[in-house]
Amino acid sequence: MKELFAIDLRDYEENGNVYRRPSARGIIIEDGRIALVYSNTGKYYKFPGGGINENEDMRAALVREVREEVGLTVIPESIREFGSVMRRQKSNYMPDTIFEQENFYFFCQTENRVLEQKLDDYEKELEFSLRYADIDEAIKVNRDYHSEDLFDEIMIKREMKVMQLVKEYMLNNEI
């Protein structure tokens, strides 16, 4: 998969342990709007998706994560690669550890129904919900987002930058 861009804060010791947590994220466009996770407490947007479990196929992780976070059922045959973003920074949770996450983004279509979400506790606290958003509005919301937590700040700015690339793709392909 082609690399879209990389984020490396270089705020860690080079000889630290590396914790790798790859993720799969869905780009779902319907009627010119994009299906996103909205955090009602954090006031930001992100692409639905999440961690790929050990020995799990990334496409299977995509299907599972989209279903859990927003209640949409991905049609497996519709999955197409968009690109990946590598993120490296000092871990917030483990001392002397580098957090490394390659985020794999896929275009996909979903069935025409919304099921109940299956959120983790932290996702419930953030009040994740499905929103079909205008991409310009989502970009603006994320551009204006600020957090005391650098870890979250970097995640939201990454999502904003991918949204900008998706917008460019939509314009070039008249979607």
N, C-alpha and C. Protein backbone atom coordinates (compact mmCIF):
# COMPACT_ATOMS: atom_id res chain seq x y z
N MET A 1 0.85 -1.18 0.00
CA MET A 1 0.00 0.00 0.00
C MET A 1 0.90 1.24 0.00
N LYS A 2 0.50 2.25 -0.77
CA LYS A 2 1.33 3.45 -0.85
C LYS A 2 1.23 4.26 0.43
N GLU A 3 2.35 4.89 0.79
CA GLU A 3 2.37 5.75 1.97
C GLU A 3 1.87 7.13 1.57
N LEU A 4 0.87 7.63 2.28
CA LEU A 4 0.32 8.96 2.03
C LEU A 4 1.24 10.03 2.61
N PHE A 5 1.67 9.82 3.85
CA PHE A 5 2.62 10.70 4.54
C PHE A 5 3.00 9.99 5.84
N ALA A 6 3.95 10.56 6.55
CA ALA A 6 4.38 10.00 7.83
C ALA A 6 4.46 11.10 8.87
N ILE A 7 4.24 10.71 10.12
CA ILE A 7 4.37 11.62 11.26
C ILE A 7 5.37 10.97 12.21
N ASP A 8 6.46 11.67 12.47
CA ASP A 8 7.46 11.16 13.41
C ASP A 8 7.90 12.32 14.28
N LEU A 9 7.45 12.33 15.53
CA LEU A 9 7.76 13.44 16.42
C LEU A 9 9.20 13.41 16.94
N ARG A 10 9.84 12.26 16.82
CA ARG A 10 11.22 12.10 17.30
C ARG A 10 11.37 12.61 18.74
N ASP A 11 10.35 12.37 19.55
CA ASP A 11 10.35 12.80 20.95
C ASP A 11 10.67 11.64 21.89
N TYR A 12 11.34 10.64 21.39
CA TYR A 12 11.61 9.40 22.12
C TYR A 12 13.09 9.07 22.03
N GLU A 13 13.50 8.18 22.91
CA GLU A 13 14.87 7.67 22.88
C GLU A 13 14.95 6.61 21.78
N GLU A 14 15.92 6.73 20.90
CA GLU A 14 16.06 5.79 19.78
C GLU A 14 16.20 4.33 20.23
N ASN A 15 16.77 4.10 21.40
CA ASN A 15 16.97 2.73 21.85
C ASN A 15 15.82 2.21 22.70
N GLY A 16 14.70 2.92 22.73
CA GLY A 16 13.54 2.48 23.51
C GLY A 16 12.85 1.29 22.87
N ASN A 17 12.01 0.66 23.66
CA ASN A 17 11.17 -0.43 23.14
C ASN A 17 10.17 0.17 22.14
N VAL A 18 9.72 -0.66 21.20
CA VAL A 18 8.74 -0.20 20.22
C VAL A 18 7.45 -1.01 20.42
N TYR A 19 6.36 -0.27 20.63
CA TYR A 19 5.03 -0.89 20.70
C TYR A 19 4.34 -0.59 19.38
N ARG A 20 4.04 -1.64 18.63
CA ARG A 20 3.40 -1.48 17.32
C ARG A 20 1.90 -1.79 17.43
N ARG A 21 1.09 -0.88 16.90
CA ARG A 21 -0.36 -1.06 16.92
C ARG A 21 -0.93 -0.61 15.58
N PRO A 22 -0.84 -1.49 14.54
CA PRO A 22 -1.41 -1.11 13.24
C PRO A 22 -2.93 -0.99 13.31
N SER A 23 -3.48 -0.19 12.41
CA SER A 23 -4.93 -0.02 12.39
C SER A 23 -5.45 -0.03 10.96
N ALA A 24 -6.74 -0.32 10.83
CA ALA A 24 -7.45 -0.29 9.55
C ALA A 24 -8.59 0.71 9.69
N ARG A 25 -8.75 1.60 8.70
CA ARG A 25 -9.74 2.66 8.79
C ARG A 25 -10.53 2.77 7.48
N GLY A 26 -11.83 2.98 7.61
CA GLY A 26 -12.71 3.02 6.46
C GLY A 26 -13.03 4.41 5.97
N ILE A 27 -12.99 4.57 4.65
CA ILE A 27 -13.42 5.80 3.99
C ILE A 27 -14.72 5.45 3.27
N ILE A 28 -15.82 5.93 3.82
CA ILE A 28 -17.15 5.57 3.33
C ILE A 28 -17.82 6.85 2.83
N ILE A 29 -18.03 6.93 1.53
CA ILE A 29 -18.63 8.12 0.92
C ILE A 29 -20.02 7.74 0.40
N GLU A 30 -21.00 8.52 0.81
CA GLU A 30 -22.37 8.27 0.38
C GLU A 30 -23.04 9.60 0.05
N ASP A 31 -23.50 9.73 -1.18
CA ASP A 31 -24.17 10.96 -1.62
C ASP A 31 -23.33 12.20 -1.34
N GLY A 32 -22.03 12.11 -1.59
CA GLY A 32 -21.15 13.26 -1.43
C GLY A 32 -20.77 13.58 0.01
N ARG A 33 -21.27 12.81 0.95
CA ARG A 33 -20.93 13.01 2.36
C ARG A 33 -20.08 11.83 2.82
N ILE A 34 -19.37 12.01 3.91
CA ILE A 34 -18.46 10.98 4.37
C ILE A 34 -18.89 10.49 5.75
N ALA A 35 -18.93 9.17 5.91
CA ALA A 35 -19.32 8.57 7.19
C ALA A 35 -18.12 8.62 8.13
N LEU A 36 -18.29 9.30 9.25
CA LEU A 36 -17.21 9.46 10.22
C LEU A 36 -17.70 9.17 11.63
N VAL A 37 -16.74 8.90 12.49
CA VAL A 37 -17.02 8.83 13.93
C VAL A 37 -16.93 10.26 14.44
N TYR A 38 -17.92 10.68 15.21
CA TYR A 38 -17.86 11.99 15.86
C TYR A 38 -17.81 11.76 17.36
N SER A 39 -16.87 12.42 18.03
CA SER A 39 -16.80 12.37 19.49
C SER A 39 -17.60 13.55 20.03
N ASN A 40 -18.71 13.24 20.68
CA ASN A 40 -19.55 14.30 21.22
C ASN A 40 -18.91 15.00 22.40
N THR A 41 -17.97 14.35 23.10
CA THR A 41 -17.28 15.01 24.20
C THR A 41 -15.99 15.68 23.71
N GLY A 42 -15.27 15.03 22.80
CA GLY A 42 -14.02 15.58 22.29
C GLY A 42 -14.21 16.61 21.20
N LYS A 43 -15.36 16.58 20.54
CA LYS A 43 -15.69 17.53 19.47
C LYS A 43 -14.73 17.42 18.29
N TYR A 44 -14.54 16.19 17.79
CA TYR A 44 -13.70 15.95 16.62
C TYR A 44 -14.27 14.80 15.80
N TYR A 45 -13.76 14.68 14.57
CA TYR A 45 -14.12 13.59 13.67
C TYR A 45 -12.93 12.68 13.46
N LYS A 46 -13.23 11.41 13.22
CA LYS A 46 -12.19 10.46 12.81
C LYS A 46 -12.82 9.41 11.92
N PHE A 47 -11.97 8.78 11.12
CA PHE A 47 -12.46 7.70 10.26
C PHE A 47 -12.78 6.49 11.13
N PRO A 48 -13.88 5.79 10.84
CA PRO A 48 -14.17 4.59 11.62
C PRO A 48 -13.10 3.53 11.37
N GLY A 49 -12.68 2.91 12.44
CA GLY A 49 -11.65 1.88 12.34
C GLY A 49 -10.88 1.77 13.62
N GLY A 50 -9.91 0.89 13.63
CA GLY A 50 -9.12 0.71 14.83
C GLY A 50 -8.09 -0.38 14.66
N GLY A 51 -7.61 -0.84 15.79
CA GLY A 51 -6.48 -1.75 15.83
C GLY A 51 -6.70 -3.07 15.13
N ILE A 52 -5.64 -3.53 14.49
CA ILE A 52 -5.62 -4.85 13.85
C ILE A 52 -5.04 -5.82 14.87
N ASN A 53 -5.80 -6.82 15.23
CA ASN A 53 -5.34 -7.81 16.20
C ASN A 53 -4.24 -8.68 15.62
N GLU A 54 -3.44 -9.26 16.50
CA GLU A 54 -2.36 -10.15 16.06
C GLU A 54 -2.94 -11.28 15.21
N ASN A 55 -2.32 -11.53 14.08
CA ASN A 55 -2.73 -12.57 13.12
C ASN A 55 -4.08 -12.29 12.45
N GLU A 56 -4.58 -11.06 12.54
CA GLU A 56 -5.84 -10.69 11.89
C GLU A 56 -5.53 -10.03 10.56
N ASP A 57 -6.25 -10.42 9.53
CA ASP A 57 -6.14 -9.79 8.22
C ASP A 57 -6.64 -8.35 8.34
N MET A 58 -5.93 -7.41 7.69
CA MET A 58 -6.32 -6.00 7.84
C MET A 58 -7.71 -5.70 7.30
N ARG A 59 -8.13 -6.42 6.26
CA ARG A 59 -9.48 -6.20 5.73
C ARG A 59 -10.54 -6.73 6.70
N ALA A 60 -10.24 -7.84 7.35
CA ALA A 60 -11.15 -8.38 8.36
C ALA A 60 -11.24 -7.41 9.54
N ALA A 61 -10.10 -6.81 9.91
CA ALA A 61 -10.09 -5.82 10.99
C ALA A 61 -10.93 -4.60 10.61
N LEU A 62 -10.83 -4.18 9.36
CA LEU A 62 -11.61 -3.06 8.87
C LEU A 62 -13.11 -3.34 9.03
N VAL A 63 -13.54 -4.50 8.56
CA VAL A 63 -14.95 -4.88 8.65
C VAL A 63 -15.40 -4.88 10.12
N ARG A 64 -14.59 -5.50 10.98
CA ARG A 64 -14.93 -5.61 12.41
C ARG A 64 -14.99 -4.23 13.06
N GLU A 65 -13.97 -3.42 12.84
CA GLU A 65 -13.89 -2.11 13.50
C GLU A 65 -14.98 -1.15 13.04
N VAL A 66 -15.28 -1.12 11.75
CA VAL A 66 -16.35 -0.24 11.26
C VAL A 66 -17.68 -0.67 11.88
N ARG A 67 -17.90 -1.96 11.95
CA ARG A 67 -19.14 -2.48 12.56
C ARG A 67 -19.24 -2.06 14.03
N GLU A 68 -18.12 -2.21 14.77
CA GLU A 68 -18.13 -1.89 16.20
C GLU A 68 -18.30 -0.39 16.46
N GLU A 69 -17.58 0.43 15.74
CA GLU A 69 -17.56 1.86 16.04
C GLU A 69 -18.79 2.62 15.55
N VAL A 70 -19.31 2.27 14.39
CA VAL A 70 -20.44 3.04 13.85
C VAL A 70 -21.65 2.20 13.46
N GLY A 71 -21.57 0.88 13.61
CA GLY A 71 -22.73 0.04 13.32
C GLY A 71 -22.99 -0.21 11.86
N LEU A 72 -22.01 0.08 11.00
CA LEU A 72 -22.17 -0.17 9.56
C LEU A 72 -21.50 -1.48 9.18
N THR A 73 -22.11 -2.18 8.23
CA THR A 73 -21.58 -3.45 7.75
C THR A 73 -20.90 -3.23 6.40
N VAL A 74 -19.58 -3.38 6.40
CA VAL A 74 -18.79 -3.19 5.18
C VAL A 74 -19.05 -4.35 4.22
N ILE A 75 -19.21 -4.04 2.95
CA ILE A 75 -19.33 -5.06 1.91
C ILE A 75 -17.90 -5.42 1.49
N PRO A 76 -17.43 -6.62 1.87
CA PRO A 76 -16.01 -6.98 1.65
C PRO A 76 -15.52 -6.78 0.22
N GLU A 77 -16.37 -7.08 -0.78
CA GLU A 77 -15.95 -6.96 -2.18
C GLU A 77 -15.71 -5.51 -2.60
N SER A 78 -16.19 -4.55 -1.80
CA SER A 78 -16.06 -3.14 -2.16
C SER A 78 -14.76 -2.51 -1.65
N ILE A 79 -14.00 -3.21 -0.84
CA ILE A 79 -12.81 -2.65 -0.20
C ILE A 79 -11.71 -2.40 -1.22
N ARG A 80 -11.21 -1.13 -1.23
CA ARG A 80 -10.11 -0.73 -2.11
C ARG A 80 -9.10 0.08 -1.31
N GLU A 81 -7.83 -0.17 -1.54
CA GLU A 81 -6.77 0.55 -0.83
C GLU A 81 -6.75 2.02 -1.21
N PHE A 82 -6.53 2.87 -0.21
CA PHE A 82 -6.29 4.29 -0.45
C PHE A 82 -4.83 4.63 -0.14
N GLY A 83 -4.36 4.25 1.04
CA GLY A 83 -2.98 4.52 1.42
C GLY A 83 -2.79 4.37 2.91
N SER A 84 -1.54 4.54 3.34
CA SER A 84 -1.23 4.37 4.76
C SER A 84 -0.49 5.59 5.30
N VAL A 85 -0.57 5.74 6.61
CA VAL A 85 0.12 6.80 7.32
C VAL A 85 0.85 6.16 8.50
N MET A 86 2.17 6.35 8.55
CA MET A 86 2.96 5.85 9.68
C MET A 86 3.06 6.96 10.72
N ARG A 87 2.83 6.58 11.97
CA ARG A 87 2.92 7.53 13.09
C ARG A 87 3.88 6.96 14.13
N ARG A 88 4.86 7.77 14.52
CA ARG A 88 5.82 7.38 15.57
C ARG A 88 5.95 8.51 16.57
N GLN A 89 5.82 8.17 17.84
CA GLN A 89 6.00 9.15 18.89
C GLN A 89 6.18 8.43 20.23
N LYS A 90 6.59 9.18 21.21
CA LYS A 90 6.76 8.64 22.55
C LYS A 90 5.41 8.17 23.07
N SER A 91 5.38 6.99 23.67
CA SER A 91 4.14 6.45 24.22
C SER A 91 3.69 7.26 25.43
N ASN A 92 2.38 7.47 25.53
CA ASN A 92 1.80 8.12 26.69
C ASN A 92 1.68 7.17 27.88
N TYR A 93 1.66 5.88 27.58
CA TYR A 93 1.29 4.90 28.60
C TYR A 93 2.43 4.02 29.08
N MET A 94 3.47 3.85 28.27
CA MET A 94 4.57 2.96 28.62
C MET A 94 5.88 3.73 28.61
N PRO A 95 6.55 3.80 29.76
CA PRO A 95 7.82 4.54 29.79
C PRO A 95 8.86 3.92 28.86
N ASP A 96 9.74 4.75 28.35
CA ASP A 96 10.83 4.31 27.47
C ASP A 96 10.34 3.48 26.29
N THR A 97 9.18 3.84 25.76
CA THR A 97 8.59 3.07 24.67
C THR A 97 8.18 4.01 23.54
N ILE A 98 8.45 3.56 22.33
CA ILE A 98 8.04 4.28 21.13
C ILE A 98 6.70 3.69 20.67
N PHE A 99 5.72 4.55 20.48
CA PHE A 99 4.44 4.11 19.92
C PHE A 99 4.54 4.23 18.41
N GLU A 100 4.34 3.12 17.71
CA GLU A 100 4.41 3.11 16.25
C GLU A 100 3.10 2.54 15.72
N GLN A 101 2.44 3.31 14.89
CA GLN A 101 1.16 2.88 14.35
C GLN A 101 1.10 3.17 12.87
N GLU A 102 0.98 2.10 12.08
CA GLU A 102 0.72 2.30 10.66
C GLU A 102 -0.79 2.19 10.49
N ASN A 103 -1.36 3.25 9.95
CA ASN A 103 -2.80 3.35 9.74
C ASN A 103 -3.08 3.07 8.27
N PHE A 104 -3.85 2.02 8.00
CA PHE A 104 -4.19 1.62 6.64
C PHE A 104 -5.60 2.11 6.33
N TYR A 105 -5.73 2.95 5.31
CA TYR A 105 -7.02 3.53 4.93
C TYR A 105 -7.55 2.84 3.68
N PHE A 106 -8.85 2.51 3.73
CA PHE A 106 -9.51 1.81 2.63
C PHE A 106 -10.82 2.49 2.27
N PHE A 107 -11.06 2.67 0.98
CA PHE A 107 -12.40 3.02 0.53
C PHE A 107 -13.26 1.77 0.66
N CYS A 108 -14.51 1.94 1.05
CA CYS A 108 -15.42 0.79 1.12
C CYS A 108 -16.86 1.28 1.10
N GLN A 109 -17.72 0.36 0.75
CA GLN A 109 -19.16 0.62 0.76
C GLN A 109 -19.77 -0.22 1.87
N THR A 110 -20.93 0.20 2.33
CA THR A 110 -21.60 -0.52 3.41
C THR A 110 -23.03 -0.86 3.03
N GLU A 111 -23.57 -1.81 3.75
CA GLU A 111 -24.98 -2.16 3.56
C GLU A 111 -25.83 -0.97 4.00
N ASN A 112 -27.04 -0.93 3.52
CA ASN A 112 -27.93 0.21 3.75
C ASN A 112 -28.71 0.06 5.05
N ARG A 113 -28.00 -0.17 6.14
CA ARG A 113 -28.65 -0.26 7.45
C ARG A 113 -27.59 0.03 8.51
N VAL A 114 -28.07 0.51 9.66
CA VAL A 114 -27.17 0.82 10.77
C VAL A 114 -27.55 -0.06 11.95
N LEU A 115 -26.57 -0.80 12.45
CA LEU A 115 -26.77 -1.69 13.60
C LEU A 115 -26.28 -0.99 14.87
N GLU A 116 -26.52 -1.61 16.00
CA GLU A 116 -26.06 -1.05 17.28
C GLU A 116 -24.53 -1.08 17.35
N GLN A 117 -23.97 -0.01 17.89
CA GLN A 117 -22.52 0.05 18.07
C GLN A 117 -22.09 -0.93 19.17
N LYS A 118 -20.81 -1.32 19.12
CA LYS A 118 -20.21 -2.15 20.16
C LYS A 118 -18.95 -1.43 20.62
N LEU A 119 -19.14 -0.40 21.45
CA LEU A 119 -18.04 0.47 21.82
C LEU A 119 -17.28 -0.03 23.04
N ASP A 120 -15.96 0.24 23.02
CA ASP A 120 -15.13 0.01 24.20
C ASP A 120 -15.49 1.09 25.23
N ASP A 121 -15.06 0.91 26.47
CA ASP A 121 -15.38 1.87 27.53
C ASP A 121 -14.91 3.28 27.19
N TYR A 122 -13.66 3.41 26.68
CA TYR A 122 -13.16 4.76 26.37
C TYR A 122 -13.95 5.39 25.22
N GLU A 123 -14.43 4.56 24.28
CA GLU A 123 -15.24 5.08 23.17
C GLU A 123 -16.60 5.54 23.67
N LYS A 124 -17.14 4.84 24.67
CA LYS A 124 -18.40 5.28 25.29
C LYS A 124 -18.20 6.61 26.00
N GLU A 125 -17.07 6.75 26.73
CA GLU A 125 -16.77 8.00 27.43
C GLU A 125 -16.65 9.16 26.44
N LEU A 126 -16.08 8.89 25.27
CA LEU A 126 -15.93 9.92 24.25
C LEU A 126 -17.23 10.14 23.46
N GLU A 127 -18.25 9.31 23.76
CA GLU A 127 -19.56 9.41 23.11
C GLU A 127 -19.45 9.37 21.59
N PHE A 128 -18.83 8.29 21.10
CA PHE A 128 -18.70 8.10 19.66
C PHE A 128 -20.06 7.90 19.01
N SER A 129 -20.28 8.58 17.90
CA SER A 129 -21.51 8.38 17.14
C SER A 129 -21.19 8.49 15.65
N LEU A 130 -22.05 7.90 14.85
CA LEU A 130 -21.93 7.96 13.39
C LEU A 130 -22.50 9.27 12.90
N ARG A 131 -21.72 9.96 12.06
CA ARG A 131 -22.22 11.16 11.40
C ARG A 131 -21.81 11.12 9.93
N TYR A 132 -22.77 11.41 9.06
CA TYR A 132 -22.46 11.63 7.65
C TYR A 132 -22.21 13.13 7.52
N ALA A 133 -20.95 13.48 7.33
CA ALA A 133 -20.55 14.88 7.40
C ALA A 133 -20.11 15.40 6.04
N ASP A 134 -20.27 16.69 5.88
CA ASP A 134 -19.67 17.39 4.77
C ASP A 134 -18.17 17.40 5.05
N ILE A 135 -17.36 17.00 4.09
CA ILE A 135 -15.93 16.85 4.35
C ILE A 135 -15.27 18.17 4.72
N ASP A 136 -15.73 19.28 4.14
CA ASP A 136 -15.15 20.59 4.50
C ASP A 136 -15.44 20.92 5.97
N GLU A 137 -16.63 20.60 6.43
CA GLU A 137 -16.98 20.85 7.83
C GLU A 137 -16.13 19.98 8.76
N ALA A 138 -15.95 18.71 8.41
CA ALA A 138 -15.13 17.81 9.23
C ALA A 138 -13.69 18.30 9.29
N ILE A 139 -13.15 18.75 8.17
CA ILE A 139 -11.78 19.28 8.13
C ILE A 139 -11.68 20.51 9.04
N LYS A 140 -12.66 21.40 8.96
CA LYS A 140 -12.65 22.62 9.80
C LYS A 140 -12.71 22.26 11.28
N VAL A 141 -13.60 21.35 11.64
CA VAL A 141 -13.73 20.95 13.05
C VAL A 141 -12.39 20.40 13.56
N ASN A 142 -11.77 19.54 12.77
CA ASN A 142 -10.49 18.96 13.20
C ASN A 142 -9.35 19.99 13.19
N ARG A 143 -9.39 20.93 12.26
CA ARG A 143 -8.36 21.97 12.22
C ARG A 143 -8.45 22.82 13.50
N ASP A 144 -9.67 23.06 13.98
CA ASP A 144 -9.88 23.89 15.17
C ASP A 144 -9.68 23.12 16.47
N TYR A 145 -9.56 21.81 16.38
CA TYR A 145 -9.42 20.97 17.59
C TYR A 145 -8.07 21.19 18.26
N HIS A 146 -8.11 21.33 19.58
CA HIS A 146 -6.87 21.42 20.36
C HIS A 146 -7.06 20.61 21.64
N SER A 147 -5.99 19.96 22.04
CA SER A 147 -6.02 19.13 23.25
C SER A 147 -4.73 19.33 24.02
N GLU A 148 -4.84 19.22 25.33
CA GLU A 148 -3.66 19.23 26.18
C GLU A 148 -2.87 17.93 26.00
N ASP A 149 -3.54 16.92 25.49
CA ASP A 149 -2.92 15.61 25.28
C ASP A 149 -2.34 15.56 23.87
N LEU A 150 -1.01 15.65 23.77
CA LEU A 150 -0.33 15.66 22.47
C LEU A 150 -0.66 14.41 21.66
N PHE A 151 -0.83 13.28 22.35
CA PHE A 151 -1.14 12.02 21.67
C PHE A 151 -2.43 12.16 20.87
N ASP A 152 -3.48 12.69 21.50
CA ASP A 152 -4.76 12.90 20.82
C ASP A 152 -4.64 13.98 19.74
N GLU A 153 -3.93 15.03 20.05
CA GLU A 153 -3.76 16.14 19.10
C GLU A 153 -3.17 15.62 17.78
N ILE A 154 -2.15 14.78 17.88
CA ILE A 154 -1.50 14.24 16.68
C ILE A 154 -2.47 13.34 15.91
N MET A 155 -3.25 12.53 16.62
CA MET A 155 -4.21 11.65 15.96
C MET A 155 -5.23 12.46 15.14
N ILE A 156 -5.77 13.51 15.75
CA ILE A 156 -6.81 14.30 15.08
C ILE A 156 -6.23 15.07 13.90
N LYS A 157 -5.02 15.58 14.04
CA LYS A 157 -4.38 16.27 12.91
C LYS A 157 -4.08 15.29 11.78
N ARG A 158 -3.72 14.04 12.12
CA ARG A 158 -3.51 13.01 11.08
C ARG A 158 -4.81 12.79 10.32
N GLU A 159 -5.90 12.64 11.05
CA GLU A 159 -7.19 12.40 10.40
C GLU A 159 -7.59 13.58 9.51
N MET A 160 -7.30 14.80 9.98
CA MET A 160 -7.61 15.98 9.17
C MET A 160 -6.82 15.96 7.85
N LYS A 161 -5.56 15.60 7.93
CA LYS A 161 -4.73 15.58 6.73
C LYS A 161 -5.21 14.50 5.75
N VAL A 162 -5.62 13.35 6.27
CA VAL A 162 -6.18 12.30 5.39
C VAL A 162 -7.49 12.79 4.78
N MET A 163 -8.32 13.48 5.56
CA MET A 163 -9.56 14.05 5.01
C MET A 163 -9.26 14.99 3.85
N GLN A 164 -8.22 15.80 3.97
CA GLN A 164 -7.85 16.71 2.89
C GLN A 164 -7.46 15.92 1.64
N LEU A 165 -6.75 14.81 1.81
CA LEU A 165 -6.38 13.97 0.66
C LEU A 165 -7.61 13.29 0.05
N VAL A 166 -8.54 12.87 0.90
CA VAL A 166 -9.78 12.27 0.41
C VAL A 166 -10.60 13.31 -0.35
N LYS A 167 -10.65 14.54 0.16
CA LYS A 167 -11.38 15.61 -0.53
C LYS A 167 -10.79 15.83 -1.93
N GLU A 168 -9.47 15.87 -2.01
CA GLU A 168 -8.80 16.03 -3.30
C GLU A 168 -9.16 14.87 -4.23
N TYR A 169 -9.17 13.66 -3.70
CA TYR A 169 -9.54 12.49 -4.49
C TYR A 169 -10.99 12.63 -4.98
N MET A 170 -11.88 13.06 -4.10
CA MET A 170 -13.29 13.21 -4.47
C MET A 170 -13.45 14.24 -5.59
N LEU A 171 -12.73 15.34 -5.49
CA LEU A 171 -12.81 16.39 -6.52
C LEU A 171 -12.28 15.88 -7.86
N ASN A 172 -11.15 15.18 -7.81
CA ASN A 172 -10.53 14.68 -9.04
C ASN A 172 -11.33 13.56 -9.69
N ASN A 173 -12.14 12.86 -8.92
CA ASN A 173 -12.93 11.76 -9.44
C ASN A 173 -14.42 12.07 -9.47
N GLU A 174 -14.76 13.34 -9.24
CA GLU A 174 -16.14 13.82 -9.30
C GLU A 174 -17.09 12.97 -8.47
N ILE A 175 -16.72 12.76 -7.21
CA ILE A 175 -17.57 11.99 -6.28
C ILE A 175 -18.38 12.95 -5.43
